[in-house]
Amino acid sequence: MSVAADESAPRTHASSQQVPSPPAPQERPVSRLWHVTLSVSGPEAPLAEVRRGLEQLANDHPFLLTSRYAADHAEIRYWEEARDLHDAAAMALRLWGEHRASAKLPPWETVGLEVIDRDTYHQRVAEGYGPPPAAPVGVHPY
């Protein structure tokens, strides 16, 4: 008995067979810019230490625009690149804690968060009721 193909089986041509299409490449979600205002507060800390920590945070986080601070609270404003609001907010909520040790930030907690898209930010500024553009950029006392 021969191991050759069965001559009685119907023949199919390669061109008539259904060849599955390669999977379509998954579209990568488009990142957008989000304006973040993060407010933190806690026990009083020496102003010089708060300032130095915020300056280090600005070095660690390149999109940091401006920070305002006092002995017991601070506000940080920056642009975050993220797929959507949820991702931008999640990253913002982790910012202080993830940089606390490396920047030697005070042991404060997040007490406020605003995340708005770029268009909303510019619309608010144009209408005169949003946060003013971050000028001067940097770390400043209240």
Foldseek 3Di string as FASTA:
>chain_A
DDPDDDPPDDDDDPVPDDDDDDDDPDDDQAKFKKKKKWKWFDDFDPPVLQQQLVQVLCVVDVFWFEKEDDRTMIITIGIDIDRDPVVVVVCSQCSCVVCCVVSVHPPIHTDDMDIGGPVVQVVCVVVPNHDHGRPPGYYYYD
